[in-house]
Protein backbone atom coordinates (compact mmCIF):
# COMPACT_ATOMS: atom_id res chain seq x y z
CA MET A 1 296.23 154.40 72.37
CA GLY A 2 294.58 152.19 74.98
CA GLY A 3 293.40 152.15 78.57
CA VAL A 4 290.42 151.24 80.71
CA ALA A 5 287.56 153.62 81.47
CA GLY A 6 288.72 156.31 83.85
CA SER A 7 292.39 155.91 82.97
CA GLY A 8 292.61 159.26 81.18
CA LYS A 9 292.43 158.08 77.56
CA SER A 10 289.81 160.71 76.70
CA GLY A 11 292.04 163.37 78.22
CA GLY A 12 294.91 162.11 76.08
CA ILE A 13 292.73 162.38 72.97
CA ASN A 14 291.87 165.97 73.92
CA VAL A 15 295.57 166.83 74.18
CA LEU A 16 296.15 165.19 70.80
CA MET A 17 293.21 167.05 69.24
CA GLY A 18 294.41 170.33 70.70
CA ASN A 19 297.79 169.92 69.03
CA LEU A 20 296.47 168.60 65.71
CA SER A 21 293.84 171.33 65.42
CA ALA A 22 296.60 173.93 65.82
CA CYS A 23 298.48 172.50 62.82
CA GLN A 24 297.61 174.31 59.61
CA ASP A 25 298.98 171.45 57.49
CA VAL A 26 296.71 168.70 58.87
CA VAL A 27 293.14 167.78 57.88
CA ILE A 28 291.38 165.82 60.63
CA TRP A 29 288.82 163.10 60.01
CA ALA A 30 287.35 161.31 63.01
CA ILE A 31 285.24 158.27 63.84
CA ASP A 32 283.33 158.29 67.13
CA LEU A 33 280.76 155.49 67.29
CA LYS A 34 279.45 156.72 70.63
CA ARG A 35 277.31 159.06 68.51
CA GLY A 36 280.01 161.71 68.63
CA MET A 37 279.96 162.05 72.41
CA GLU A 38 283.75 162.23 72.83
CA LEU A 39 284.81 164.21 69.76
CA GLN A 40 281.81 166.49 69.20
CA PRO A 41 283.43 169.35 71.19
CA TRP A 42 286.13 169.46 68.47
CA ALA A 43 283.60 169.33 65.60
CA SER A 44 284.50 172.81 64.33
CA CYS A 45 288.07 171.61 63.73
CA ILE A 46 287.15 168.21 62.27
CA ASP A 47 286.72 168.09 58.51
CA ARG A 48 284.55 164.95 58.68
CA LEU A 49 283.04 163.21 61.72
CA ALA A 50 281.54 159.72 61.39
CA THR A 51 279.20 158.64 64.18
CA THR A 52 277.61 155.50 62.67
CA PRO A 53 279.10 152.28 61.26
CA ASP A 54 277.95 153.20 57.73
CA GLN A 55 279.58 156.61 57.93
CA ALA A 56 282.75 155.01 59.29
CA ARG A 57 282.88 152.53 56.40
CA THR A 58 282.46 155.35 53.90
CA MET A 59 285.13 157.47 55.55
CA LEU A 60 287.70 154.68 55.61
CA ARG A 61 286.92 153.79 51.99
CA ASP A 62 287.40 157.45 51.08
CA ALA A 63 290.70 157.51 52.97
CA VAL A 64 291.94 154.64 50.80
CA THR A 65 290.80 156.57 47.71
CA VAL A 66 292.83 159.56 48.94
CA LEU A 67 295.99 157.56 49.58
CA GLU A 68 295.78 155.86 46.19
CA ALA A 69 295.27 159.21 44.41
CA ARG A 70 298.20 160.73 46.27
CA ALA A 71 300.40 157.76 45.44
CA GLU A 72 299.56 158.15 41.74
CA TRP A 73 300.27 161.90 41.91
CA LEU A 74 303.64 161.32 43.60
CA THR A 75 304.60 158.77 40.95
CA ALA A 76 303.53 161.06 38.11
CA ASN A 77 305.58 163.91 39.58
CA GLY A 78 308.68 161.83 40.33
CA ARG A 79 308.35 162.14 44.10
CA ARG A 80 308.33 159.54 46.85
CA VAL A 81 306.93 161.38 49.88
CA TRP A 82 303.96 163.69 50.40
CA ASP A 83 305.38 166.66 52.33
CA PRO A 84 302.51 168.28 54.27
CA THR A 85 301.84 171.99 53.69
CA PRO A 86 298.65 174.05 54.13
CA GLU A 87 297.97 173.52 50.40
CA HIS A 88 298.84 169.80 50.54
CA PRO A 89 297.97 168.82 54.11
CA ALA A 90 298.42 165.52 55.86
CA LEU A 91 295.24 163.54 56.55
CA VAL A 92 294.89 162.16 60.08
CA ILE A 93 292.02 159.77 60.88
CA ILE A 94 291.25 159.39 64.59
CA VAL A 95 289.12 156.41 65.63
CA ASP A 96 287.79 156.75 69.17
CA GLU A 97 286.87 153.37 70.63
CA TYR A 98 288.41 151.20 67.95
CA ALA A 99 286.83 148.11 69.51
CA GLU A 100 283.38 149.41 68.54
CA LEU A 101 284.53 149.73 64.93
CA ALA A 102 285.82 146.13 64.98
CA ASP A 103 282.45 144.96 66.34
CA ASP A 104 280.05 147.10 64.31
CA ALA A 105 281.92 147.39 61.00
CA PRO A 106 284.19 144.33 60.71
CA ASP A 107 284.14 144.67 56.92
CA ALA A 108 286.13 147.91 57.28
CA ALA A 109 289.19 145.94 58.41
CA GLY A 110 290.55 145.76 54.87
CA ASP A 111 290.54 149.55 54.56
CA THR A 112 292.18 150.10 57.96
CA ASP A 113 294.85 147.55 57.01
CA SER A 114 295.46 149.36 53.74
CA ILE A 115 295.81 152.72 55.49
CA ALA A 116 298.20 151.24 58.06
CA ARG A 117 300.36 149.59 55.41
CA ARG A 118 300.44 152.29 52.74
CA GLY A 119 299.54 155.55 54.41
CA ARG A 120 302.89 156.76 55.71
CA ALA A 121 304.50 157.94 52.46
CA VAL A 122 301.34 159.77 51.38
CA ALA A 123 300.72 161.35 54.82
CA VAL A 124 297.53 159.45 55.61
CA THR A 125 297.75 158.44 59.27
CA LEU A 126 295.47 156.26 61.40
CA ILE A 127 295.18 156.83 65.16
CA ALA A 128 293.19 154.20 67.06
CA ALA A 129 292.05 154.53 70.67
CA THR A 130 290.25 151.89 72.74
CA GLN A 131 289.34 151.08 76.32
CA ARG A 132 288.81 147.43 75.41
CA PRO A 133 292.21 146.19 74.21
CA THR A 134 290.98 142.71 73.31
CA GLN A 135 292.72 140.49 70.78
CA LYS A 136 289.77 141.00 68.42
CA ALA A 137 289.94 144.79 68.74
CA MET A 138 293.71 145.09 68.39
CA GLY A 139 293.85 142.48 65.63
CA LYS A 140 296.73 140.46 64.24
CA GLY A 141 297.17 142.13 60.86
CA ALA A 142 298.78 145.22 59.45
CA VAL A 143 296.88 147.68 61.64
CA ARG A 144 298.60 146.46 64.78
CA SER A 145 301.99 145.61 63.31
CA GLN A 146 302.35 148.95 61.53
CA MET A 147 301.55 151.07 64.58
CA ASP A 148 305.00 151.81 65.96
CA VAL A 149 303.81 154.60 68.27
CA ARG A 150 301.78 153.13 71.13
CA VAL A 151 300.42 154.80 74.26
CA SER A 152 299.10 152.75 77.17
CA PHE A 153 297.14 154.34 79.97
CA ARG A 154 296.22 152.12 82.92
CA VAL A 155 294.99 148.65 81.96
CA ARG A 156 293.08 146.21 84.13
CA GLU A 157 295.00 143.02 83.41
CA ARG A 158 298.69 142.33 82.92
CA LYS A 159 298.10 140.61 79.57
CA ASP A 160 296.60 143.84 78.20
CA VAL A 161 300.04 145.45 78.38
CA ASP A 162 301.30 143.19 75.58
CA LEU A 163 298.10 143.69 73.58
CA ILE A 164 298.63 147.46 73.47
CA LEU A 165 302.39 147.89 73.62
CA GLY A 166 303.50 144.67 71.92
CA GLN A 167 304.51 141.13 72.73
CA GLY A 168 307.03 140.86 75.57
CA MET A 169 306.66 144.43 76.80
CA LEU A 170 305.26 143.40 80.19
CA SER A 171 308.28 141.18 80.85
CA ALA A 172 310.55 144.03 79.73
CA GLY A 173 309.23 146.26 82.49
CA TRP A 174 306.38 148.13 80.84
CA HIS A 175 303.92 147.79 83.75
CA ALA A 176 300.91 149.78 82.57
CA HIS A 177 298.70 147.82 84.95
CA THR A 178 300.37 149.62 87.89
CA LEU A 179 299.69 153.18 86.71
CA ASN A 180 297.93 154.78 89.65
CA ALA A 181 296.30 158.02 88.49
CA PRO A 182 294.17 159.25 85.58
CA GLY A 183 296.25 160.56 82.71
CA LYS A 184 299.39 158.60 83.52
CA PHE A 185 300.71 156.60 80.57
CA LEU A 186 303.62 154.71 79.06
CA LEU A 187 304.76 155.64 75.56
CA SER A 188 306.46 153.13 73.29
CA ALA A 189 307.94 154.55 70.08
CA PRO A 190 311.20 154.26 68.10
CA GLU A 191 312.63 157.20 70.06
CA HIS A 192 311.06 156.14 73.38
CA ASP A 193 312.36 152.68 74.28
CA THR A 194 312.47 153.09 78.07
CA PRO A 195 309.38 152.49 80.26
CA ARG A 196 309.21 156.00 81.73
CA ARG A 197 305.89 157.26 83.05
CA GLY A 198 304.32 160.41 81.62
CA ARG A 199 301.07 162.20 82.28
CA ALA A 200 298.68 163.93 79.92
CA TYR A 201 297.51 167.45 80.61
CA LEU A 202 293.92 167.73 81.80
CA LEU A 203 291.96 169.99 79.47
CA THR A 204 288.70 171.25 80.95
CA ASP A 205 285.56 171.50 78.82
CA ALA A 206 286.04 175.27 78.76
CA ALA A 207 289.65 174.90 77.57
CA VAL A 208 288.58 172.50 74.81
CA ALA A 209 285.83 174.88 73.66
CA GLU A 210 288.24 177.82 73.65
CA ALA A 211 290.91 175.91 71.72
CA ALA A 212 288.40 174.59 69.17
CA GLU A 213 287.01 178.08 68.58
CA ARG A 214 290.49 179.59 68.22
CA HIS A 215 291.75 176.95 65.78
CA ALA A 216 288.60 176.53 63.67
CA ALA A 217 289.32 179.60 61.56
CA THR A 218 292.72 178.30 60.44
CA ARG A 219 291.80 174.74 59.48
CA PRO A 220 293.04 173.80 55.99
CA ALA A 221 290.92 172.25 53.25
CA LEU A 222 291.68 168.90 51.68
CA ASP A 223 294.08 169.21 48.75
CA GLU A 224 292.88 169.29 45.16
CA VAL A 225 294.40 165.89 44.30
CA SER A 226 292.38 164.23 47.06
CA ARG A 227 289.19 166.21 46.41
CA LEU A 228 289.12 165.36 42.73
CA ALA A 229 289.69 161.67 43.47
CA LEU A 230 286.80 161.65 45.95
CA ASP A 231 284.52 163.52 43.54
CA GLU A 232 285.28 161.04 40.78
CA ALA A 233 284.72 158.05 43.07
CA ARG A 234 281.45 159.43 44.44
CA MET A 235 279.98 160.25 41.06
CA ALA A 236 281.15 157.12 39.25
CA PRO A 237 278.36 154.95 37.75
CA VAL A 238 277.33 152.18 40.12
CA SER A 239 274.98 149.23 39.86
CA GLU A 240 271.42 149.47 41.13
CA PRO A 241 270.44 147.69 44.37
CA SER A 242 268.91 144.27 43.99
CA ALA A 243 265.70 145.21 45.84
CA PRO A 244 263.09 146.68 43.43
CA VAL A 245 261.82 150.21 43.93
CA THR A 246 258.15 150.86 43.18
CA PRO A 247 257.04 153.84 41.04
CA SER A 248 255.38 155.48 44.06
CA GLN A 249 258.62 155.19 46.04
CA GLU A 250 260.55 156.69 43.14
CA ASP A 251 258.11 159.60 42.90
CA HIS A 252 258.32 160.26 46.63
CA ALA A 253 262.15 160.10 46.62
CA GLU A 254 262.39 162.37 43.56
CA THR A 255 260.07 164.94 45.11
CA ALA A 256 261.90 164.84 48.44
CA LEU A 257 265.25 165.22 46.71
CA ARG A 258 264.16 168.17 44.58
CA GLU A 259 262.56 169.98 47.53
CA ALA A 260 265.67 169.43 49.65
CA LEU A 261 268.03 170.71 46.95
CA ASP A 262 265.79 173.69 46.13
CA GLY A 263 265.85 174.75 49.77
CA ALA A 264 269.51 173.92 50.40
CA PRO A 265 271.77 176.58 51.96
CA ASP A 266 274.78 177.93 50.06
CA GLU A 267 277.08 175.39 51.70
CA GLY A 268 274.89 172.55 50.43
CA LEU A 269 273.35 169.56 52.20
CA PRO A 270 275.36 166.54 53.36
CA ILE A 271 274.83 163.21 51.65
CA ALA A 272 273.79 161.67 54.97
CA HIS A 273 270.87 164.13 55.18
CA LEU A 274 269.75 163.41 51.62
CA LEU A 275 269.92 159.66 52.27
CA MET A 276 267.68 160.08 55.31
CA ILE A 277 264.98 162.19 53.67
CA THR A 278 264.82 160.32 50.35
CA GLN A 279 265.27 156.78 51.71
CA LEU A 280 267.25 155.97 48.57
CA SER A 281 270.19 153.61 48.60
CA ARG A 282 273.58 155.32 48.51
CA PRO A 283 274.38 154.12 44.94
CA THR A 284 271.00 155.31 43.63
CA LEU A 285 271.34 158.69 45.32
CA TYR A 286 274.83 159.23 43.90
CA ARG A 287 273.62 158.26 40.42
CA ARG A 288 270.67 160.68 40.66
CA LEU A 289 272.87 163.51 41.94
CA ALA A 290 275.36 162.90 39.13
CA GLU A 291 272.51 163.23 36.62
CA LEU A 292 271.30 166.47 38.24
CA VAL A 293 274.81 167.94 38.32
CA LYS A 294 275.38 166.99 34.67
CA SER A 295 272.11 168.63 33.62
CA GLY A 296 272.88 171.79 35.60
CA ARG A 297 270.00 171.36 38.03
CA ALA A 298 272.29 170.79 41.03
CA VAL A 299 275.75 171.89 42.06
CA GLN A 300 278.25 169.81 43.98
CA VAL A 301 279.71 172.34 46.40
CA GLY A 302 282.16 169.92 48.02
CA TYR A 303 282.74 166.25 48.57
CA GLY A 304 279.69 164.82 50.28
CA SER A 305 277.34 167.79 49.76
CA CYS A 306 275.11 169.27 47.04
CA ASN A 307 272.62 172.06 46.54
């Protein structure tokens, strides 16, 4: 999904979020590197929201873990396709401003490629939106080639039409550079092969808030297959960071961790919060949490949170 600023791309994402959040067989993960500005209104319907490059890397790595676990489960059960249900939901990852991800976390390209190539059968879907449809942002690998549903809002230059919709689309009559009002778009998909203009509904802030509140209560949880795979990956033994940690730093981190866990609410504390207050590296924190869980001094209440 692409288009310049003011073309209605954000409105299109709101329409998409409104529909996805109403589906009780879809878990939504989202990446918004504008510190959550665009997708925060839907936070109550989003299972995980990444707003920094590090969080985005972790989320995409976890998505690959999920798709691999689901693939193994399908094979073990003699099945070829993950059929979404509320108990076994699809996983949809929305990346708002994909160009920022390409700039700030280029090392995540391997994971996005893997999701694009292997995600369909296991119901792990990537949706990328950008207002900067550069060659670098759109890429030349699997991410671009595997996206057979493409939406172009107004673009500034004629060449951007081919970057979003595919090579030769401008010559074939897909003139997204002539779209003349916010929200107007061209949709290219297997069942939409004619350049016919459409227009996204405009959802006001009040409508978004009302929809998010209404749908939040019916959001499904991630399936057990995926949760167990993430738990195992998070708590697996990892190597220590190369930089030495002094005894005083260890004491401070241990004290901060214990105080945080002692005062944690019933729903636990997110890993991102524990990383911030302890200043530990992610591998060290996961190792320490695994030790506390094993000894019964902490409880993992969900993936990415402990108390």
